[in-house]
Amino acid sequence: MAAKKSPEIKPDATFEDALRRLEEIVGLLEGGNVPLEQAMSLYEEGIAVSRLCARKLAKAELVLKKLAKDAEGNLAITDNEE
């Protein structure tokens, strides 16, 4: 029986899509019903998807750190590092 080819997550995938795929991978691995070779492939993909999620979160964090309140209390994006 040939192993099913797992869908590859694209680098431009949304955070939500990547997280969904990561949850699928974890579920498959926790189920323990995949052959060793497929489990290794899923693990490698999981690491790559996890890193993609981490990069997207770091990018979002940088944007949020740039948000600051102006004199009237409105949020505005600033380039200041305080």
N, C-alpha and C. Protein backbone atom coordinates (compact mmCIF):
# COMPACT_ATOMS: atom_id res chain seq x y z
N MET A 1 0.84 -1.18 0.00
CA MET A 1 0.00 0.00 0.00
C MET A 1 0.89 1.25 0.00
N ALA A 2 0.68 2.13 -0.93
CA ALA A 2 1.48 3.35 -1.03
C ALA A 2 1.04 4.36 0.01
N ALA A 3 2.02 5.07 0.55
CA ALA A 3 1.70 6.10 1.55
C ALA A 3 1.04 7.27 0.86
N LYS A 4 0.04 7.82 1.54
CA LYS A 4 -0.65 8.99 1.00
C LYS A 4 0.27 10.19 1.04
N LYS A 5 0.31 10.93 -0.05
CA LYS A 5 1.12 12.15 -0.10
C LYS A 5 0.42 13.23 0.70
N SER A 6 1.11 13.79 1.69
CA SER A 6 0.51 14.83 2.51
C SER A 6 0.56 16.16 1.78
N PRO A 7 -0.44 17.00 1.97
CA PRO A 7 -0.43 18.31 1.30
C PRO A 7 0.68 19.19 1.88
N GLU A 8 1.40 19.83 1.00
CA GLU A 8 2.46 20.74 1.43
C GLU A 8 1.86 22.11 1.70
N ILE A 9 2.28 22.73 2.78
CA ILE A 9 1.82 24.08 3.10
C ILE A 9 2.71 25.06 2.33
N LYS A 10 2.12 26.04 1.73
CA LYS A 10 2.86 27.02 0.93
C LYS A 10 3.41 28.12 1.86
N PRO A 11 4.57 28.67 1.53
CA PRO A 11 5.17 29.72 2.36
C PRO A 11 4.27 30.96 2.51
N ASP A 12 3.38 31.18 1.55
CA ASP A 12 2.50 32.34 1.64
C ASP A 12 1.14 31.99 2.26
N ALA A 13 1.04 30.81 2.85
CA ALA A 13 -0.21 30.40 3.50
C ALA A 13 -0.50 31.32 4.68
N THR A 14 -1.76 31.45 5.01
CA THR A 14 -2.11 32.25 6.18
C THR A 14 -1.69 31.52 7.44
N PHE A 15 -1.58 32.28 8.52
CA PHE A 15 -1.24 31.67 9.81
C PHE A 15 -2.28 30.61 10.18
N GLU A 16 -3.55 30.93 9.94
CA GLU A 16 -4.63 30.00 10.30
C GLU A 16 -4.54 28.70 9.51
N ASP A 17 -4.22 28.80 8.21
CA ASP A 17 -4.06 27.59 7.39
C ASP A 17 -2.88 26.76 7.87
N ALA A 18 -1.78 27.43 8.19
CA ALA A 18 -0.59 26.72 8.67
C ALA A 18 -0.88 26.05 10.01
N LEU A 19 -1.55 26.75 10.90
CA LEU A 19 -1.88 26.18 12.20
C LEU A 19 -2.82 24.98 12.05
N ARG A 20 -3.78 25.10 11.15
CA ARG A 20 -4.70 23.99 10.89
C ARG A 20 -3.93 22.77 10.40
N ARG A 21 -2.98 22.98 9.49
CA ARG A 21 -2.19 21.87 8.98
C ARG A 21 -1.34 21.27 10.10
N LEU A 22 -0.78 22.11 10.94
CA LEU A 22 0.02 21.61 12.05
C LEU A 22 -0.82 20.75 12.99
N GLU A 23 -2.06 21.18 13.24
CA GLU A 23 -2.96 20.38 14.07
C GLU A 23 -3.27 19.04 13.42
N GLU A 24 -3.44 19.03 12.09
CA GLU A 24 -3.67 17.77 11.37
C GLU A 24 -2.49 16.83 11.53
N ILE A 25 -1.29 17.38 11.38
CA ILE A 25 -0.08 16.57 11.50
C ILE A 25 0.04 15.97 12.89
N VAL A 26 -0.18 16.79 13.90
CA VAL A 26 -0.11 16.31 15.28
C VAL A 26 -1.12 15.20 15.51
N GLY A 27 -2.33 15.39 15.00
CA GLY A 27 -3.36 14.37 15.15
C GLY A 27 -2.96 13.05 14.51
N LEU A 28 -2.40 13.12 13.30
CA LEU A 28 -1.95 11.91 12.62
C LEU A 28 -0.84 11.22 13.39
N LEU A 29 0.12 11.99 13.87
CA LEU A 29 1.24 11.40 14.61
C LEU A 29 0.79 10.84 15.95
N GLU A 30 -0.10 11.53 16.63
CA GLU A 30 -0.59 11.03 17.91
C GLU A 30 -1.44 9.78 17.74
N GLY A 31 -2.12 9.67 16.60
CA GLY A 31 -2.93 8.49 16.33
C GLY A 31 -2.12 7.22 16.24
N GLY A 32 -0.87 7.34 15.83
CA GLY A 32 0.02 6.20 15.76
C GLY A 32 -0.32 5.20 14.67
N ASN A 33 -1.14 5.58 13.72
CA ASN A 33 -1.55 4.65 12.66
C ASN A 33 -0.89 4.92 11.33
N VAL A 34 0.27 5.56 11.34
CA VAL A 34 0.98 5.83 10.10
C VAL A 34 2.30 5.05 10.11
N PRO A 35 2.71 4.57 8.95
CA PRO A 35 4.00 3.87 8.86
C PRO A 35 5.15 4.80 9.24
N LEU A 36 6.24 4.21 9.65
CA LEU A 36 7.39 4.97 10.11
C LEU A 36 7.85 6.01 9.10
N GLU A 37 7.95 5.63 7.83
CA GLU A 37 8.43 6.55 6.80
C GLU A 37 7.50 7.76 6.69
N GLN A 38 6.19 7.49 6.72
CA GLN A 38 5.23 8.59 6.64
C GLN A 38 5.29 9.44 7.91
N ALA A 39 5.48 8.80 9.05
CA ALA A 39 5.60 9.55 10.31
C ALA A 39 6.80 10.48 10.28
N MET A 40 7.91 10.01 9.73
CA MET A 40 9.10 10.85 9.63
C MET A 40 8.85 12.03 8.70
N SER A 41 8.18 11.77 7.59
CA SER A 41 7.85 12.82 6.64
C SER A 41 6.91 13.85 7.28
N LEU A 42 5.92 13.36 7.99
CA LEU A 42 4.99 14.26 8.68
C LEU A 42 5.70 15.08 9.75
N TYR A 43 6.62 14.46 10.47
CA TYR A 43 7.38 15.17 11.49
C TYR A 43 8.19 16.31 10.87
N GLU A 44 8.87 16.01 9.76
CA GLU A 44 9.66 17.04 9.07
C GLU A 44 8.76 18.17 8.59
N GLU A 45 7.62 17.82 8.03
CA GLU A 45 6.68 18.85 7.58
C GLU A 45 6.19 19.66 8.77
N GLY A 46 5.92 18.99 9.87
CA GLY A 46 5.46 19.67 11.08
C GLY A 46 6.46 20.70 11.58
N ILE A 47 7.72 20.35 11.54
CA ILE A 47 8.77 21.30 11.95
C ILE A 47 8.76 22.51 11.04
N ALA A 48 8.66 22.28 9.73
CA ALA A 48 8.65 23.39 8.76
C ALA A 48 7.42 24.28 8.97
N VAL A 49 6.26 23.67 9.18
CA VAL A 49 5.03 24.45 9.39
C VAL A 49 5.11 25.20 10.71
N SER A 50 5.68 24.57 11.73
CA SER A 50 5.85 25.23 13.02
C SER A 50 6.73 26.48 12.89
N ARG A 51 7.80 26.36 12.12
CA ARG A 51 8.69 27.51 11.90
C ARG A 51 7.98 28.61 11.12
N LEU A 52 7.15 28.22 10.15
CA LEU A 52 6.37 29.20 9.39
C LEU A 52 5.44 29.96 10.34
N CYS A 53 4.77 29.23 11.21
CA CYS A 53 3.87 29.87 12.19
C CYS A 53 4.66 30.83 13.09
N ALA A 54 5.82 30.40 13.54
CA ALA A 54 6.64 31.24 14.42
C ALA A 54 7.06 32.52 13.70
N ARG A 55 7.43 32.41 12.42
CA ARG A 55 7.82 33.62 11.65
C ARG A 55 6.64 34.57 11.50
N LYS A 56 5.47 34.02 11.22
CA LYS A 56 4.28 34.86 11.05
C LYS A 56 3.91 35.53 12.37
N LEU A 57 4.03 34.83 13.48
CA LEU A 57 3.74 35.42 14.79
C LEU A 57 4.75 36.52 15.12
N ALA A 58 6.02 36.28 14.82
CA ALA A 58 7.05 37.29 15.08
C ALA A 58 6.79 38.55 14.26
N LYS A 59 6.38 38.37 13.01
CA LYS A 59 6.08 39.52 12.15
C LYS A 59 4.89 40.30 12.70
N ALA A 60 3.87 39.59 13.14
CA ALA A 60 2.70 40.25 13.72
C ALA A 60 3.08 40.99 15.01
N GLU A 61 3.95 40.38 15.80
CA GLU A 61 4.40 41.02 17.04
C GLU A 61 5.13 42.33 16.76
N LEU A 62 5.95 42.35 15.72
CA LEU A 62 6.66 43.58 15.36
C LEU A 62 5.69 44.70 15.00
N VAL A 63 4.64 44.35 14.26
CA VAL A 63 3.63 45.35 13.89
C VAL A 63 2.94 45.87 15.15
N LEU A 64 2.58 44.96 16.05
CA LEU A 64 1.90 45.37 17.27
C LEU A 64 2.78 46.24 18.16
N LYS A 65 4.07 45.95 18.19
CA LYS A 65 4.99 46.75 18.99
C LYS A 65 5.09 48.17 18.46
N LYS A 66 4.82 48.37 17.17
CA LYS A 66 4.89 49.70 16.58
C LYS A 66 3.64 50.52 16.85
N LEU A 67 2.58 49.86 17.32
CA LEU A 67 1.36 50.60 17.62
C LEU A 67 1.54 51.40 18.90
N ALA A 68 1.15 52.64 18.85
CA ALA A 68 1.25 53.50 20.03
C ALA A 68 0.06 54.44 20.04
N LYS A 69 -0.27 54.94 21.21
CA LYS A 69 -1.37 55.89 21.30
C LYS A 69 -0.83 57.31 21.09
N ASP A 70 -1.60 58.10 20.33
CA ASP A 70 -1.22 59.49 20.14
C ASP A 70 -1.80 60.31 21.30
N ALA A 71 -1.65 61.61 21.25
CA ALA A 71 -2.08 62.50 22.33
C ALA A 71 -3.57 62.38 22.63
N GLU A 72 -4.38 62.06 21.62
CA GLU A 72 -5.82 61.93 21.83
C GLU A 72 -6.22 60.52 22.25
N GLY A 73 -5.27 59.63 22.38
CA GLY A 73 -5.57 58.26 22.78
C GLY A 73 -5.90 57.33 21.64
N ASN A 74 -5.73 57.79 20.41
CA ASN A 74 -5.98 56.94 19.25
C ASN A 74 -4.74 56.12 18.94
N LEU A 75 -4.95 54.88 18.48
CA LEU A 75 -3.82 54.05 18.10
C LEU A 75 -3.27 54.50 16.77
N ALA A 76 -1.95 54.54 16.68
CA ALA A 76 -1.26 54.92 15.45
C ALA A 76 0.00 54.10 15.33
N ILE A 77 0.42 53.84 14.12
CA ILE A 77 1.67 53.11 13.91
C ILE A 77 2.83 54.10 13.97
N THR A 78 3.85 53.72 14.71
CA THR A 78 5.01 54.58 14.88
C THR A 78 6.27 53.79 14.58
N ASP A 79 7.34 54.48 14.24
CA ASP A 79 8.62 53.84 14.00
C ASP A 79 9.51 53.91 15.22
N ASN A 80 9.03 54.48 16.30
CA ASN A 80 9.83 54.64 17.51
C ASN A 80 10.03 53.30 18.20
N GLU A 81 11.22 53.06 18.68
CA GLU A 81 11.54 51.88 19.48
C GLU A 81 11.70 52.35 20.92
N GLU A 82 10.66 52.20 21.71
CA GLU A 82 10.72 52.67 23.10
C GLU A 82 10.58 51.53 24.05
